[in-house]
Amino acid sequence: MIDCLYSSCFTMFCSTKINEYVATVTAETAINSSARDLPKTKQPIEGIDYYIEDGNYVFKAWFHLKRGHCCTNGCRHCPYKTQQLQ
């Protein structure tokens, strides 16, 4: 349970829960992940959907799961690993 609703605390709490879920997803189950059915946000959320590394956006597995399919760009955190090989 979260006791603090400050933006940074809430983001950290959500990120932890999302990471726990993502850890259970395999390449085989990613395609049918319920994340793709969630309402879409207008903008990706830093710490939830992406992080910044050397000035570049690095999208996390959660972002890809919400998209619902592999973009075949070889993304670092792609949960659809088998799709990239086709």
PDB file of N, CA and C in Angstrom:
ATOM      1  N   MET A   1       0.843  -1.180   0.000  1.00  0.00           N
ATOM      2  CA  MET A   1       0.000   0.000   0.000  1.00  0.00           C
ATOM      3  C   MET A   1       0.887   1.241   0.000  1.00  0.00           C
ATOM      4  N   ILE A   2       0.430   2.248  -0.663  1.00  0.00           N
ATOM      5  CA  ILE A   2       1.195   3.487  -0.757  1.00  0.00           C
ATOM      6  C   ILE A   2       0.644   4.501   0.241  1.00  0.00           C
ATOM      7  N   ASP A   3       1.544   5.095   1.018  1.00  0.00           N
ATOM      8  CA  ASP A   3       1.148   6.082   2.014  1.00  0.00           C
ATOM      9  C   ASP A   3       1.307   7.508   1.498  1.00  0.00           C
ATOM     10  N   CYS A   4       2.133   7.689   0.485  1.00  0.00           N
ATOM     11  CA  CYS A   4       2.443   9.024  -0.015  1.00  0.00           C
ATOM     12  C   CYS A   4       1.932   9.155  -1.446  1.00  0.00           C
ATOM     13  N   LEU A   5       1.202  10.217  -1.720  1.00  0.00           N
ATOM     14  CA  LEU A   5       0.671  10.407  -3.065  1.00  0.00           C
ATOM     15  C   LEU A   5       1.395  11.495  -3.837  1.00  0.00           C
ATOM     16  N   TYR A   6       2.592  11.906  -3.361  1.00  0.00           N
ATOM     17  CA  TYR A   6       3.392  12.824  -4.163  1.00  0.00           C
ATOM     18  C   TYR A   6       3.698  12.155  -5.485  1.00  0.00           C
ATOM     19  N   SER A   7       3.807  12.942  -6.529  1.00  0.00           N
ATOM     20  CA  SER A   7       4.017  12.409  -7.870  1.00  0.00           C
ATOM     21  C   SER A   7       5.173  11.417  -7.933  1.00  0.00           C
ATOM     22  N   SER A   8       6.310  11.768  -7.345  1.00  0.00           N
ATOM     23  CA  SER A   8       7.471  10.879  -7.427  1.00  0.00           C
ATOM     24  C   SER A   8       7.243   9.586  -6.645  1.00  0.00           C
ATOM     25  N   CYS A   9       6.588   9.662  -5.501  1.00  0.00           N
ATOM     26  CA  CYS A   9       6.301   8.453  -4.711  1.00  0.00           C
ATOM     27  C   CYS A   9       5.300   7.558  -5.442  1.00  0.00           C
ATOM     28  N   PHE A  10       4.268   8.183  -6.002  1.00  0.00           N
ATOM     29  CA  PHE A  10       3.256   7.427  -6.725  1.00  0.00           C
ATOM     30  C   PHE A  10       3.864   6.744  -7.953  1.00  0.00           C
ATOM     31  N   THR A  11       4.707   7.471  -8.683  1.00  0.00           N
ATOM     32  CA  THR A  11       5.373   6.903  -9.857  1.00  0.00           C
ATOM     33  C   THR A  11       6.249   5.724  -9.454  1.00  0.00           C
ATOM     34  N   MET A  12       7.004   5.869  -8.361  1.00  0.00           N
ATOM     35  CA  MET A  12       7.869   4.785  -7.905  1.00  0.00           C
ATOM     36  C   MET A  12       7.043   3.563  -7.502  1.00  0.00           C
ATOM     37  N   PHE A  13       5.942   3.783  -6.800  1.00  0.00           N
ATOM     38  CA  PHE A  13       5.070   2.686  -6.397  1.00  0.00           C
ATOM     39  C   PHE A  13       4.507   1.965  -7.618  1.00  0.00           C
ATOM     40  N   CYS A  14       3.977   2.739  -8.570  1.00  0.00           N
ATOM     41  CA  CYS A  14       3.405   2.153  -9.789  1.00  0.00           C
ATOM     42  C   CYS A  14       4.471   1.407 -10.578  1.00  0.00           C
ATOM     43  N   SER A  15       5.642   2.002 -10.701  1.00  0.00           N
ATOM     44  CA  SER A  15       6.730   1.373 -11.440  1.00  0.00           C
ATOM     45  C   SER A  15       7.109   0.033 -10.829  1.00  0.00           C
ATOM     46  N   THR A  16       7.158  -0.023  -9.504  1.00  0.00           N
ATOM     47  CA  THR A  16       7.484  -1.278  -8.819  1.00  0.00           C
ATOM     48  C   THR A  16       6.447  -2.349  -9.128  1.00  0.00           C
ATOM     49  N   LYS A  17       5.183  -2.002  -9.034  1.00  0.00           N
ATOM     50  CA  LYS A  17       4.104  -2.965  -9.315  1.00  0.00           C
ATOM     51  C   LYS A  17       4.116  -3.398 -10.783  1.00  0.00           C
ATOM     52  N   ILE A  18       4.340  -2.453 -11.674  1.00  0.00           N
ATOM     53  CA  ILE A  18       4.406  -2.775 -13.099  1.00  0.00           C
ATOM     54  C   ILE A  18       5.583  -3.700 -13.381  1.00  0.00           C
ATOM     55  N   ASN A  19       6.736  -3.409 -12.791  1.00  0.00           N
ATOM     56  CA  ASN A  19       7.913  -4.256 -12.990  1.00  0.00           C
ATOM     57  C   ASN A  19       7.675  -5.667 -12.471  1.00  0.00           C
ATOM     58  N   GLU A  20       6.948  -5.804 -11.374  1.00  0.00           N
ATOM     59  CA  GLU A  20       6.603  -7.134 -10.860  1.00  0.00           C
ATOM     60  C   GLU A  20       5.736  -7.882 -11.875  1.00  0.00           C
ATOM     61  N   TYR A  21       4.784  -7.188 -12.479  1.00  0.00           N
ATOM     62  CA  TYR A  21       3.940  -7.809 -13.499  1.00  0.00           C
ATOM     63  C   TYR A  21       4.753  -8.177 -14.730  1.00  0.00           C
ATOM     64  N   VAL A  22       5.562  -7.237 -15.210  1.00  0.00           N
ATOM     65  CA  VAL A  22       6.356  -7.462 -16.419  1.00  0.00           C
ATOM     66  C   VAL A  22       7.288  -8.655 -16.239  1.00  0.00           C
ATOM     67  N   ALA A  23       7.781  -8.868 -15.026  1.00  0.00           N
ATOM     68  CA  ALA A  23       8.679  -9.994 -14.749  1.00  0.00           C
ATOM     69  C   ALA A  23       7.989 -11.341 -14.965  1.00  0.00           C
ATOM     70  N   THR A  24       6.669 -11.356 -14.954  1.00  0.00           N
ATOM     71  CA  THR A  24       5.927 -12.608 -15.158  1.00  0.00           C
ATOM     72  C   THR A  24       5.603 -12.859 -16.627  1.00  0.00           C
ATOM     73  N   VAL A  25       5.843 -11.865 -17.484  1.00  0.00           N
ATOM     74  CA  VAL A  25       5.487 -11.964 -18.901  1.00  0.00           C
ATOM     75  C   VAL A  25       6.634 -12.605 -19.681  1.00  0.00           C
ATOM     76  N   THR A  26       6.293 -13.563 -20.513  1.00  0.00           N
ATOM     77  CA  THR A  26       7.269 -14.186 -21.407  1.00  0.00           C
ATOM     78  C   THR A  26       6.963 -13.741 -22.834  1.00  0.00           C
ATOM     79  N   ALA A  27       7.865 -14.046 -23.736  1.00  0.00           N
ATOM     80  CA  ALA A  27       7.633 -13.691 -25.142  1.00  0.00           C
ATOM     81  C   ALA A  27       6.336 -14.338 -25.649  1.00  0.00           C
ATOM     82  N   GLU A  28       6.039 -15.518 -25.160  1.00  0.00           N
ATOM     83  CA  GLU A  28       4.834 -16.226 -25.605  1.00  0.00           C
ATOM     84  C   GLU A  28       3.556 -15.599 -25.052  1.00  0.00           C
ATOM     85  N   THR A  29       3.623 -15.081 -23.816  1.00  0.00           N
ATOM     86  CA  THR A  29       2.416 -14.506 -23.213  1.00  0.00           C
ATOM     87  C   THR A  29       2.276 -13.011 -23.478  1.00  0.00           C
ATOM     88  N   ALA A  30       3.310 -12.380 -23.993  1.00  0.00           N
ATOM     89  CA  ALA A  30       3.281 -10.931 -24.220  1.00  0.00           C
ATOM     90  C   ALA A  30       2.181 -10.526 -25.194  1.00  0.00           C
ATOM     91  N   ILE A  31       1.977 -11.310 -26.222  1.00  0.00           N
ATOM     92  CA  ILE A  31       0.994 -10.952 -27.259  1.00  0.00           C
ATOM     93  C   ILE A  31      -0.411 -10.875 -26.684  1.00  0.00           C
ATOM     94  N   ASN A  32      -0.717 -11.718 -25.712  1.00  0.00           N
ATOM     95  CA  ASN A  32      -2.054 -11.720 -25.122  1.00  0.00           C
ATOM     96  C   ASN A  32      -2.103 -10.990 -23.786  1.00  0.00           C
ATOM     97  N   SER A  33      -1.111 -10.161 -23.513  1.00  0.00           N
ATOM     98  CA  SER A  33      -1.065  -9.420 -22.257  1.00  0.00           C
ATOM     99  C   SER A  33      -2.263  -8.487 -22.149  1.00  0.00           C
ATOM    100  N   SER A  34      -2.825  -8.407 -20.957  1.00  0.00           N
ATOM    101  CA  SER A  34      -3.968  -7.513 -20.742  1.00  0.00           C
ATOM    102  C   SER A  34      -3.552  -6.045 -20.748  1.00  0.00           C
ATOM    103  N   ALA A  35      -2.266  -5.757 -20.740  1.00  0.00           N
ATOM    104  CA  ALA A  35      -1.790  -4.367 -20.760  1.00  0.00           C
ATOM    105  C   ALA A  35      -2.254  -3.639 -22.017  1.00  0.00           C
ATOM    106  N   ARG A  36      -2.364  -4.342 -23.118  1.00  0.00           N
ATOM    107  CA  ARG A  36      -2.772  -3.682 -24.364  1.00  0.00           C
ATOM    108  C   ARG A  36      -4.206  -3.178 -24.315  1.00  0.00           C
ATOM    109  N   ASP A  37      -5.016  -3.710 -23.403  1.00  0.00           N
ATOM    110  CA  ASP A  37      -6.412  -3.307 -23.293  1.00  0.00           C
ATOM    111  C   ASP A  37      -6.621  -2.120 -22.351  1.00  0.00           C
ATOM    112  N   LEU A  38      -5.552  -1.673 -21.709  1.00  0.00           N
ATOM    113  CA  LEU A  38      -5.667  -0.534 -20.804  1.00  0.00           C
ATOM    114  C   LEU A  38      -5.887   0.755 -21.597  1.00  0.00           C
ATOM    115  N   PRO A  39      -6.515   1.738 -20.976  1.00  0.00           N
ATOM    116  CA  PRO A  39      -6.687   3.024 -21.676  1.00  0.00           C
ATOM    117  C   PRO A  39      -5.318   3.599 -22.038  1.00  0.00           C
ATOM    118  N   LYS A  40      -5.226   4.176 -23.209  1.00  0.00           N
ATOM    119  CA  LYS A  40      -3.964   4.749 -23.677  1.00  0.00           C
ATOM    120  C   LYS A  40      -3.781   6.148 -23.098  1.00  0.00           C
ATOM    121  N   THR A  41      -2.541   6.474 -22.745  1.00  0.00           N
ATOM    122  CA  THR A  41      -2.228   7.823 -22.287  1.00  0.00           C
ATOM    123  C   THR A  41      -1.792   8.649 -23.491  1.00  0.00           C
ATOM    124  N   LYS A  42      -1.969   9.943 -23.409  1.00  0.00           N
ATOM    125  CA  LYS A  42      -1.585  10.812 -24.523  1.00  0.00           C
ATOM    126  C   LYS A  42      -0.072  10.930 -24.627  1.00  0.00           C
ATOM    127  N   GLN A  43       0.613  10.850 -23.493  1.00  0.00           N
ATOM    128  CA  GLN A  43       2.069  10.959 -23.470  1.00  0.00           C
ATOM    129  C   GLN A  43       2.638   9.841 -22.623  1.00  0.00           C
ATOM    130  N   PRO A  44       3.772   9.279 -23.034  1.00  0.00           N
ATOM    131  CA  PRO A  44       4.441   8.294 -22.186  1.00  0.00           C
ATOM    132  C   PRO A  44       4.871   8.962 -20.876  1.00  0.00           C
ATOM    133  N   ILE A  45       4.927   8.186 -19.816  1.00  0.00           N
ATOM    134  CA  ILE A  45       5.256   8.701 -18.488  1.00  0.00           C
ATOM    135  C   ILE A  45       6.667   8.264 -18.112  1.00  0.00           C
ATOM    136  N   GLU A  46       7.525   9.243 -17.820  1.00  0.00           N
ATOM    137  CA  GLU A  46       8.898   8.931 -17.436  1.00  0.00           C
ATOM    138  C   GLU A  46       8.890   8.104 -16.154  1.00  0.00           C
ATOM    139  N   GLY A  47       9.674   7.052 -16.139  1.00  0.00           N
ATOM    140  CA  GLY A  47       9.747   6.159 -14.991  1.00  0.00           C
ATOM    141  C   GLY A  47       8.771   5.000 -15.080  1.00  0.00           C
ATOM    142  N   ILE A  48       7.727   5.163 -15.865  1.00  0.00           N
ATOM    143  CA  ILE A  48       6.738   4.098 -16.065  1.00  0.00           C
ATOM    144  C   ILE A  48       6.917   3.507 -17.459  1.00  0.00           C
ATOM    145  N   ASP A  49       6.860   4.345 -18.471  1.00  0.00           N
ATOM    146  CA  ASP A  49       6.950   3.905 -19.861  1.00  0.00           C
ATOM    147  C   ASP A  49       8.364   3.991 -20.426  1.00  0.00           C
ATOM    148  N   TYR A  50       9.175   4.865 -19.880  1.00  0.00           N
ATOM    149  CA  TYR A  50      10.519   5.054 -20.431  1.00  0.00           C
ATOM    150  C   TYR A  50      11.451   5.639 -19.377  1.00  0.00           C
ATOM    151  N   TYR A  51      12.725   5.605 -19.675  1.00  0.00           N
ATOM    152  CA  TYR A  51      13.725   6.343 -18.915  1.00  0.00           C
ATOM    153  C   TYR A  51      14.655   6.987 -19.928  1.00  0.00           C
ATOM    154  N   ILE A  52      15.433   7.942 -19.472  1.00  0.00           N
ATOM    155  CA  ILE A  52      16.340   8.649 -20.370  1.00  0.00           C
ATOM    156  C   ILE A  52      17.768   8.213 -20.068  1.00  0.00           C
ATOM    157  N   GLU A  53      18.460   7.802 -21.123  1.00  0.00           N
ATOM    158  CA  GLU A  53      19.841   7.342 -21.002  1.00  0.00           C
ATOM    159  C   GLU A  53      20.674   8.076 -22.049  1.00  0.00           C
ATOM    160  N   ASP A  54      21.668   8.805 -21.614  1.00  0.00           N
ATOM    161  CA  ASP A  54      22.535   9.580 -22.521  1.00  0.00           C
ATOM    162  C   ASP A  54      21.721  10.475 -23.455  1.00  0.00           C
ATOM    163  N   GLY A  55      20.637  11.048 -22.937  1.00  0.00           N
ATOM    164  CA  GLY A  55      19.813  11.953 -23.727  1.00  0.00           C
ATOM    165  C   GLY A  55      18.809  11.271 -24.638  1.00  0.00           C
ATOM    166  N   ASN A  56      18.762   9.948 -24.609  1.00  0.00           N
ATOM    167  CA  ASN A  56      17.833   9.194 -25.465  1.00  0.00           C
ATOM    168  C   ASN A  56      16.720   8.569 -24.635  1.00  0.00           C
ATOM    169  N   TYR A  57      15.536   8.510 -25.207  1.00  0.00           N
ATOM    170  CA  TYR A  57      14.427   7.816 -24.572  1.00  0.00           C
ATOM    171  C   TYR A  57      14.634   6.316 -24.763  1.00  0.00           C
ATOM    172  N   VAL A  58      14.524   5.572 -23.677  1.00  0.00           N
ATOM    173  CA  VAL A  58      14.595   4.116 -23.745  1.00  0.00           C
ATOM    174  C   VAL A  58      13.251   3.606 -23.229  1.00  0.00           C
ATOM    175  N   PHE A  59      12.470   3.032 -24.128  1.00  0.00           N
ATOM    176  CA  PHE A  59      11.143   2.562 -23.745  1.00  0.00           C
ATOM    177  C   PHE A  59      11.242   1.233 -23.007  1.00  0.00           C
ATOM    178  N   LYS A  60      10.474   1.152 -21.923  1.00  0.00           N
ATOM    179  CA  LYS A  60      10.476  -0.030 -21.067  1.00  0.00           C
ATOM    180  C   LYS A  60       9.482  -1.066 -21.621  1.00  0.00           C
ATOM    181  N   ALA A  61       9.578  -2.279 -21.114  1.00  0.00           N
ATOM    182  CA  ALA A  61       8.701  -3.358 -21.570  1.00  0.00           C
ATOM    183  C   ALA A  61       7.230  -2.988 -21.410  1.00  0.00           C
ATOM    184  N   TRP A  62       6.894  -2.268 -20.362  1.00  0.00           N
ATOM    185  CA  TRP A  62       5.506  -1.871 -20.131  1.00  0.00           C
ATOM    186  C   TRP A  62       4.959  -1.059 -21.299  1.00  0.00           C
ATOM    187  N   PHE A  63       5.738  -0.129 -21.819  1.00  0.00           N
ATOM    188  CA  PHE A  63       5.331   0.672 -22.967  1.00  0.00           C
ATOM    189  C   PHE A  63       5.016  -0.240 -24.149  1.00  0.00           C
ATOM    190  N   HIS A  64       5.884  -1.204 -24.394  1.00  0.00           N
ATOM    191  CA  HIS A  64       5.694  -2.123 -25.518  1.00  0.00           C
ATOM    192  C   HIS A  64       4.470  -3.015 -25.305  1.00  0.00           C
ATOM    193  N   LEU A  65       4.271  -3.471 -24.076  1.00  0.00           N
ATOM    194  CA  LEU A  65       3.093  -4.303 -23.794  1.00  0.00           C
ATOM    195  C   LEU A  65       1.808  -3.531 -24.032  1.00  0.00           C
ATOM    196  N   LYS A  66       1.786  -2.259 -23.659  1.00  0.00           N
ATOM    197  CA  LYS A  66       0.581  -1.457 -23.886  1.00  0.00           C
ATOM    198  C   LYS A  66       0.334  -1.243 -25.370  1.00  0.00           C
ATOM    199  N   ARG A  67       1.400  -1.185 -26.174  1.00  0.00           N
ATOM    200  CA  ARG A  67       1.231  -1.048 -27.622  1.00  0.00           C
ATOM    201  C   ARG A  67       0.535  -2.283 -28.171  1.00  0.00           C
ATOM    202  N   GLY A  68       0.892  -3.461 -27.662  1.00  0.00           N
ATOM    203  CA  GLY A  68       0.205  -4.686 -28.044  1.00  0.00           C
ATOM    204  C   GLY A  68       0.851  -5.481 -29.158  1.00  0.00           C
ATOM    205  N   HIS A  69       1.986  -5.013 -29.687  1.00  0.00           N
ATOM    206  CA  HIS A  69       2.670  -5.760 -30.734  1.00  0.00           C
ATOM    207  C   HIS A  69       4.120  -5.293 -30.845  1.00  0.00           C
ATOM    208  N   CYS A  70       4.911  -6.082 -31.523  1.00  0.00           N
ATOM    209  CA  CYS A  70       6.320  -5.749 -31.748  1.00  0.00           C
ATOM    210  C   CYS A  70       6.436  -4.812 -32.945  1.00  0.00           C
ATOM    211  N   CYS A  71       7.287  -3.792 -32.819  1.00  0.00           N
ATOM    212  CA  CYS A  71       7.496  -2.858 -33.929  1.00  0.00           C
ATOM    213  C   CYS A  71       8.653  -3.305 -34.825  1.00  0.00           C
ATOM    214  N   THR A  72       9.326  -4.372 -34.463  1.00  0.00           N
ATOM    215  CA  THR A  72      10.459  -4.980 -35.183  1.00  0.00           C
ATOM    216  C   THR A  72      11.676  -4.061 -35.307  1.00  0.00           C
ATOM    217  N   ASN A  73      11.825  -3.091 -34.398  1.00  0.00           N
ATOM    218  CA  ASN A  73      12.991  -2.215 -34.408  1.00  0.00           C
ATOM    219  C   ASN A  73      14.118  -2.708 -33.504  1.00  0.00           C
ATOM    220  N   GLY A  74      13.945  -3.859 -32.885  1.00  0.00           N
ATOM    221  CA  GLY A  74      14.982  -4.406 -32.013  1.00  0.00           C
ATOM    222  C   GLY A  74      15.124  -3.647 -30.706  1.00  0.00           C
ATOM    223  N   CYS A  75      14.039  -3.189 -30.145  1.00  0.00           N
ATOM    224  CA  CYS A  75      14.068  -2.412 -28.904  1.00  0.00           C
ATOM    225  C   CYS A  75      14.692  -3.207 -27.761  1.00  0.00           C
ATOM    226  N   ARG A  76      15.445  -2.517 -26.929  1.00  0.00           N
ATOM    227  CA  ARG A  76      16.183  -3.138 -25.825  1.00  0.00           C
ATOM    228  C   ARG A  76      15.278  -3.928 -24.882  1.00  0.00           C
ATOM    229  N   HIS A  77      14.113  -3.392 -24.546  1.00  0.00           N
ATOM    230  CA  HIS A  77      13.237  -4.021 -23.556  1.00  0.00           C
ATOM    231  C   HIS A  77      11.994  -4.654 -24.178  1.00  0.00           C
ATOM    232  N   CYS A  78      12.084  -5.046 -25.425  1.00  0.00           N
ATOM    233  CA  CYS A  78      10.935  -5.630 -26.112  1.00  0.00           C
ATOM    234  C   CYS A  78      10.537  -6.959 -25.464  1.00  0.00           C
ATOM    235  N   PRO A  79       9.283  -7.079 -25.022  1.00  0.00           N
ATOM    236  CA  PRO A  79       8.836  -8.342 -24.440  1.00  0.00           C
ATOM    237  C   PRO A  79       8.453  -9.376 -25.497  1.00  0.00           C
ATOM    238  N   TYR A  80       8.430  -8.971 -26.777  1.00  0.00           N
ATOM    239  CA  TYR A  80       8.017  -9.849 -27.874  1.00  0.00           C
ATOM    240  C   TYR A  80       9.238 -10.421 -28.590  1.00  0.00           C
ATOM    241  N   LYS A  81      10.238 -10.836 -27.876  1.00  0.00           N
ATOM    242  CA  LYS A  81      11.517 -11.239 -28.454  1.00  0.00           C
ATOM    243  C   LYS A  81      11.369 -12.179 -29.663  1.00  0.00           C
ATOM    244  N   THR A  82      10.459 -13.110 -29.622  1.00  0.00           N
ATOM    245  CA  THR A  82      10.307 -14.048 -30.735  1.00  0.00           C
ATOM    246  C   THR A  82       9.814 -13.346 -31.995  1.00  0.00           C
ATOM    247  N   GLN A  83       9.065 -12.259 -31.834  1.00  0.00           N
ATOM    248  CA  GLN A  83       8.547 -11.542 -33.002  1.00  0.00           C
ATOM    249  C   GLN A  83       9.663 -10.845 -33.766  1.00  0.00           C
ATOM    250  N   GLN A  84      10.730 -10.442 -33.088  1.00  0.00           N
ATOM    251  CA  GLN A  84      11.823  -9.739 -33.748  1.00  0.00           C
ATOM    252  C   GLN A  84      12.602 -10.651 -34.695  1.00  0.00           C
ATOM    253  N   LEU A  85      12.561 -11.934 -34.452  1.00  0.00           N
ATOM    254  CA  LEU A  85      13.336 -12.873 -35.240  1.00  0.00           C
ATOM    255  C   LEU A  85      12.646 -13.278 -36.538  1.00  0.00           C
ATOM    256  N   GLN A  86      11.394 -12.943 -36.679  1.00  0.00           N
ATOM    257  CA  GLN A  86      10.651 -13.363 -37.878  1.00  0.00           C
ATOM    258  C   GLN A  86      10.883 -12.435 -39.028  1.00  0.00           C
TER     259      GLN A  86
END
